[in-house]
Amino acid sequence: MKTISVGEFRAHGNPYVAETSKDDVVFTQDGRPYAILKAIPAGIKLEGAFNETSARFRRMIQDRREERGIPWEEAKRWMNTHKSFVVKAG
């Protein structure tokens, strides 16, 4: 991980953008970590890259994993009572 000041990046940004292909670049402001510049790997969509690093998104996934689901038989009964859903046996 490379660490640079925001001022250094403003003055000489291109080499640090290139550096992200090898490792993350941490910006500091007044000597304290401020932001991270990170490359998005080839084949990864922007939304995927954002969600991968989003604490809010990770928390939402964790919350959903902790939720109690409903039994499959109950779900089938519900769907069969609504005309827009049809569940076939098997």
N, C-alpha and C. Protein backbone atom coordinates (compact mmCIF):
# COMPACT_ATOMS: atom_id res chain seq x y z
N MET A 1 0.85 -1.17 0.00
CA MET A 1 0.00 0.00 0.00
C MET A 1 0.89 1.23 0.00
N LYS A 2 0.59 2.13 -0.89
CA LYS A 2 1.34 3.38 -1.03
C LYS A 2 0.57 4.47 -0.30
N THR A 3 1.26 5.33 0.42
CA THR A 3 0.62 6.44 1.14
C THR A 3 1.20 7.75 0.65
N ILE A 4 0.31 8.66 0.25
CA ILE A 4 0.74 9.98 -0.23
C ILE A 4 -0.20 11.04 0.31
N SER A 5 0.26 12.28 0.29
CA SER A 5 -0.61 13.38 0.70
C SER A 5 -1.51 13.78 -0.46
N VAL A 6 -2.62 14.41 -0.13
CA VAL A 6 -3.54 14.90 -1.16
C VAL A 6 -2.79 15.90 -2.05
N GLY A 7 -1.98 16.75 -1.44
CA GLY A 7 -1.20 17.74 -2.21
C GLY A 7 -0.25 17.07 -3.20
N GLU A 8 0.40 16.01 -2.77
CA GLU A 8 1.31 15.27 -3.67
C GLU A 8 0.53 14.69 -4.84
N PHE A 9 -0.64 14.17 -4.58
CA PHE A 9 -1.46 13.62 -5.66
C PHE A 9 -1.88 14.72 -6.64
N ARG A 10 -2.26 15.87 -6.11
CA ARG A 10 -2.66 16.98 -6.98
C ARG A 10 -1.50 17.38 -7.90
N ALA A 11 -0.31 17.37 -7.35
CA ALA A 11 0.86 17.80 -8.12
C ALA A 11 1.35 16.74 -9.10
N HIS A 12 1.27 15.47 -8.72
CA HIS A 12 1.85 14.39 -9.52
C HIS A 12 0.94 13.15 -9.51
N GLY A 13 -0.28 13.31 -9.96
CA GLY A 13 -1.26 12.23 -9.84
C GLY A 13 -1.06 11.01 -10.71
N ASN A 14 -0.61 11.19 -11.94
CA ASN A 14 -0.55 10.06 -12.88
C ASN A 14 0.22 8.84 -12.39
N PRO A 15 1.41 8.99 -11.83
CA PRO A 15 2.11 7.80 -11.36
C PRO A 15 1.33 7.04 -10.27
N TYR A 16 0.56 7.76 -9.48
CA TYR A 16 -0.19 7.11 -8.41
C TYR A 16 -1.42 6.37 -8.95
N VAL A 17 -2.00 6.91 -10.00
CA VAL A 17 -3.09 6.20 -10.65
C VAL A 17 -2.55 4.89 -11.22
N ALA A 18 -1.40 4.94 -11.85
CA ALA A 18 -0.77 3.72 -12.39
C ALA A 18 -0.43 2.74 -11.27
N GLU A 19 -0.04 3.25 -10.12
CA GLU A 19 0.31 2.41 -8.97
C GLU A 19 -0.85 1.53 -8.52
N THR A 20 -2.09 1.99 -8.76
CA THR A 20 -3.25 1.21 -8.30
C THR A 20 -3.36 -0.14 -8.99
N SER A 21 -2.68 -0.31 -10.13
CA SER A 21 -2.71 -1.63 -10.77
C SER A 21 -1.93 -2.65 -9.95
N LYS A 22 -1.07 -2.17 -9.04
CA LYS A 22 -0.28 -3.06 -8.18
C LYS A 22 -0.81 -3.11 -6.76
N ASP A 23 -1.29 -1.96 -6.27
CA ASP A 23 -1.71 -1.88 -4.86
C ASP A 23 -2.57 -0.64 -4.66
N ASP A 24 -3.27 -0.60 -3.55
CA ASP A 24 -4.08 0.56 -3.21
C ASP A 24 -3.19 1.75 -2.86
N VAL A 25 -3.70 2.95 -3.08
CA VAL A 25 -2.99 4.18 -2.72
C VAL A 25 -3.83 4.90 -1.67
N VAL A 26 -3.22 5.18 -0.51
CA VAL A 26 -3.91 5.85 0.58
C VAL A 26 -3.51 7.32 0.56
N PHE A 27 -4.52 8.19 0.53
CA PHE A 27 -4.28 9.63 0.60
C PHE A 27 -4.31 10.05 2.05
N THR A 28 -3.44 10.97 2.39
CA THR A 28 -3.47 11.54 3.74
C THR A 28 -3.73 13.04 3.62
N GLN A 29 -4.35 13.56 4.64
CA GLN A 29 -4.55 15.00 4.74
C GLN A 29 -4.19 15.38 6.17
N ASP A 30 -3.29 16.31 6.30
CA ASP A 30 -2.75 16.69 7.62
C ASP A 30 -2.17 15.48 8.33
N GLY A 31 -1.56 14.58 7.55
CA GLY A 31 -0.90 13.41 8.12
C GLY A 31 -1.82 12.27 8.52
N ARG A 32 -3.12 12.41 8.27
CA ARG A 32 -4.07 11.37 8.66
C ARG A 32 -4.69 10.73 7.42
N PRO A 33 -4.97 9.43 7.45
CA PRO A 33 -5.62 8.79 6.30
C PRO A 33 -6.91 9.50 5.96
N TYR A 34 -7.14 9.71 4.65
CA TYR A 34 -8.28 10.51 4.20
C TYR A 34 -9.14 9.74 3.18
N ALA A 35 -8.48 9.05 2.25
CA ALA A 35 -9.21 8.33 1.20
C ALA A 35 -8.31 7.24 0.63
N ILE A 36 -8.92 6.33 -0.12
CA ILE A 36 -8.17 5.26 -0.78
C ILE A 36 -8.48 5.29 -2.27
N LEU A 37 -7.45 5.20 -3.08
CA LEU A 37 -7.60 5.07 -4.52
C LEU A 37 -7.33 3.60 -4.85
N LYS A 38 -8.29 2.99 -5.49
CA LYS A 38 -8.23 1.55 -5.71
C LYS A 38 -8.62 1.26 -7.16
N ALA A 39 -7.89 0.38 -7.81
CA ALA A 39 -8.22 0.00 -9.18
C ALA A 39 -9.44 -0.92 -9.17
N ILE A 40 -10.24 -0.84 -10.24
CA ILE A 40 -11.35 -1.77 -10.41
C ILE A 40 -10.85 -2.85 -11.36
N PRO A 41 -10.80 -4.10 -10.88
CA PRO A 41 -10.27 -5.18 -11.73
C PRO A 41 -11.07 -5.34 -13.03
N ALA A 42 -10.39 -5.77 -14.08
CA ALA A 42 -11.06 -6.01 -15.36
C ALA A 42 -12.19 -7.01 -15.16
N GLY A 43 -13.30 -6.74 -15.83
CA GLY A 43 -14.44 -7.65 -15.75
C GLY A 43 -15.39 -7.36 -14.60
N ILE A 44 -15.03 -6.44 -13.71
CA ILE A 44 -15.89 -6.08 -12.58
C ILE A 44 -16.66 -4.81 -12.95
N LYS A 45 -17.97 -4.86 -12.78
CA LYS A 45 -18.78 -3.67 -13.07
C LYS A 45 -18.63 -2.66 -11.93
N LEU A 46 -18.84 -1.41 -12.25
CA LEU A 46 -18.69 -0.34 -11.27
C LEU A 46 -19.54 -0.59 -10.03
N GLU A 47 -20.81 -1.01 -10.23
CA GLU A 47 -21.69 -1.25 -9.08
C GLU A 47 -21.11 -2.34 -8.17
N GLY A 48 -20.55 -3.37 -8.78
CA GLY A 48 -19.95 -4.46 -8.00
C GLY A 48 -18.76 -3.98 -7.18
N ALA A 49 -17.94 -3.14 -7.79
CA ALA A 49 -16.78 -2.61 -7.08
C ALA A 49 -17.23 -1.73 -5.93
N PHE A 50 -18.25 -0.93 -6.15
CA PHE A 50 -18.74 -0.05 -5.08
C PHE A 50 -19.32 -0.89 -3.94
N ASN A 51 -20.17 -1.84 -4.27
CA ASN A 51 -20.81 -2.65 -3.24
C ASN A 51 -19.80 -3.48 -2.46
N GLU A 52 -18.74 -3.89 -3.12
CA GLU A 52 -17.71 -4.70 -2.47
C GLU A 52 -17.05 -3.94 -1.31
N THR A 53 -16.97 -2.63 -1.43
CA THR A 53 -16.28 -1.83 -0.41
C THR A 53 -17.23 -1.02 0.47
N SER A 54 -18.51 -1.16 0.25
CA SER A 54 -19.49 -0.35 0.97
C SER A 54 -19.89 -1.01 2.29
N ALA A 55 -19.60 -0.34 3.40
CA ALA A 55 -19.99 -0.87 4.72
C ALA A 55 -21.50 -0.99 4.82
N ARG A 56 -22.22 -0.05 4.24
CA ARG A 56 -23.68 -0.09 4.27
C ARG A 56 -24.22 -1.31 3.53
N PHE A 57 -23.64 -1.59 2.36
CA PHE A 57 -24.07 -2.75 1.57
C PHE A 57 -23.74 -4.05 2.31
N ARG A 58 -22.54 -4.15 2.88
CA ARG A 58 -22.16 -5.36 3.63
C ARG A 58 -23.09 -5.57 4.82
N ARG A 59 -23.48 -4.50 5.48
CA ARG A 59 -24.41 -4.60 6.62
C ARG A 59 -25.78 -5.08 6.15
N MET A 60 -26.24 -4.57 5.00
CA MET A 60 -27.52 -5.00 4.47
C MET A 60 -27.50 -6.51 4.16
N ILE A 61 -26.41 -6.99 3.57
CA ILE A 61 -26.28 -8.42 3.28
C ILE A 61 -26.28 -9.22 4.58
N GLN A 62 -25.53 -8.77 5.57
CA GLN A 62 -25.49 -9.47 6.85
C GLN A 62 -26.87 -9.50 7.50
N ASP A 63 -27.59 -8.40 7.47
CA ASP A 63 -28.95 -8.35 8.03
C ASP A 63 -29.85 -9.36 7.34
N ARG A 64 -29.77 -9.44 6.00
CA ARG A 64 -30.62 -10.38 5.26
C ARG A 64 -30.27 -11.82 5.61
N ARG A 65 -29.01 -12.09 5.81
CA ARG A 65 -28.59 -13.45 6.16
C ARG A 65 -29.09 -13.86 7.53
N GLU A 66 -29.28 -12.89 8.41
CA GLU A 66 -29.74 -13.18 9.76
C GLU A 66 -31.26 -13.27 9.86
N GLU A 67 -31.97 -12.81 8.81
CA GLU A 67 -33.43 -12.87 8.84
C GLU A 67 -33.91 -14.32 8.78
N ARG A 68 -35.00 -14.56 9.45
CA ARG A 68 -35.60 -15.89 9.41
C ARG A 68 -36.47 -15.95 8.16
N GLY A 69 -36.25 -16.97 7.35
CA GLY A 69 -37.05 -17.14 6.14
C GLY A 69 -38.37 -17.84 6.46
N ILE A 70 -39.17 -18.06 5.44
CA ILE A 70 -40.41 -18.81 5.65
C ILE A 70 -40.24 -20.18 5.01
N PRO A 71 -40.90 -21.19 5.55
CA PRO A 71 -40.79 -22.53 4.98
C PRO A 71 -41.29 -22.56 3.53
N TRP A 72 -40.68 -23.40 2.71
CA TRP A 72 -41.01 -23.51 1.31
C TRP A 72 -42.49 -23.83 1.10
N GLU A 73 -43.05 -24.72 1.88
CA GLU A 73 -44.47 -25.07 1.72
C GLU A 73 -45.36 -23.85 1.93
N GLU A 74 -45.02 -23.02 2.89
CA GLU A 74 -45.80 -21.80 3.13
C GLU A 74 -45.67 -20.83 1.96
N ALA A 75 -44.47 -20.70 1.42
CA ALA A 75 -44.25 -19.82 0.27
C ALA A 75 -45.06 -20.32 -0.93
N LYS A 76 -45.06 -21.63 -1.17
CA LYS A 76 -45.84 -22.17 -2.29
C LYS A 76 -47.33 -21.89 -2.11
N ARG A 77 -47.85 -22.07 -0.88
CA ARG A 77 -49.27 -21.78 -0.63
C ARG A 77 -49.59 -20.32 -0.94
N TRP A 78 -48.72 -19.42 -0.50
CA TRP A 78 -48.95 -18.00 -0.74
C TRP A 78 -48.94 -17.70 -2.25
N MET A 79 -47.94 -18.23 -2.94
CA MET A 79 -47.84 -17.96 -4.38
C MET A 79 -49.02 -18.56 -5.14
N ASN A 80 -49.52 -19.71 -4.72
CA ASN A 80 -50.64 -20.34 -5.40
C ASN A 80 -51.95 -19.61 -5.16
N THR A 81 -52.02 -18.77 -4.14
CA THR A 81 -53.24 -18.00 -3.89
C THR A 81 -53.26 -16.70 -4.69
N HIS A 82 -52.14 -16.35 -5.30
CA HIS A 82 -52.06 -15.14 -6.11
C HIS A 82 -51.95 -15.54 -7.58
N LYS A 83 -52.78 -14.99 -8.40
CA LYS A 83 -52.87 -15.38 -9.81
C LYS A 83 -51.57 -15.17 -10.58
N SER A 84 -50.74 -14.21 -10.18
CA SER A 84 -49.53 -13.92 -10.94
C SER A 84 -48.42 -14.93 -10.65
N PHE A 85 -48.57 -15.76 -9.63
CA PHE A 85 -47.57 -16.77 -9.30
C PHE A 85 -48.18 -18.15 -9.46
N VAL A 86 -47.46 -19.05 -10.11
CA VAL A 86 -47.90 -20.43 -10.22
C VAL A 86 -46.69 -21.29 -9.91
N VAL A 87 -46.81 -22.19 -8.94
CA VAL A 87 -45.74 -23.10 -8.57
C VAL A 87 -46.20 -24.51 -8.90
N LYS A 88 -45.41 -25.17 -9.71
CA LYS A 88 -45.74 -26.56 -10.06
C LYS A 88 -45.01 -27.49 -9.13
N ALA A 89 -45.63 -28.61 -8.82
CA ALA A 89 -45.01 -29.62 -7.95
C ALA A 89 -43.81 -30.21 -8.65
N GLY A 90 -42.85 -30.61 -7.83
CA GLY A 90 -41.71 -31.31 -8.44
C GLY A 90 -40.49 -30.60 -8.23
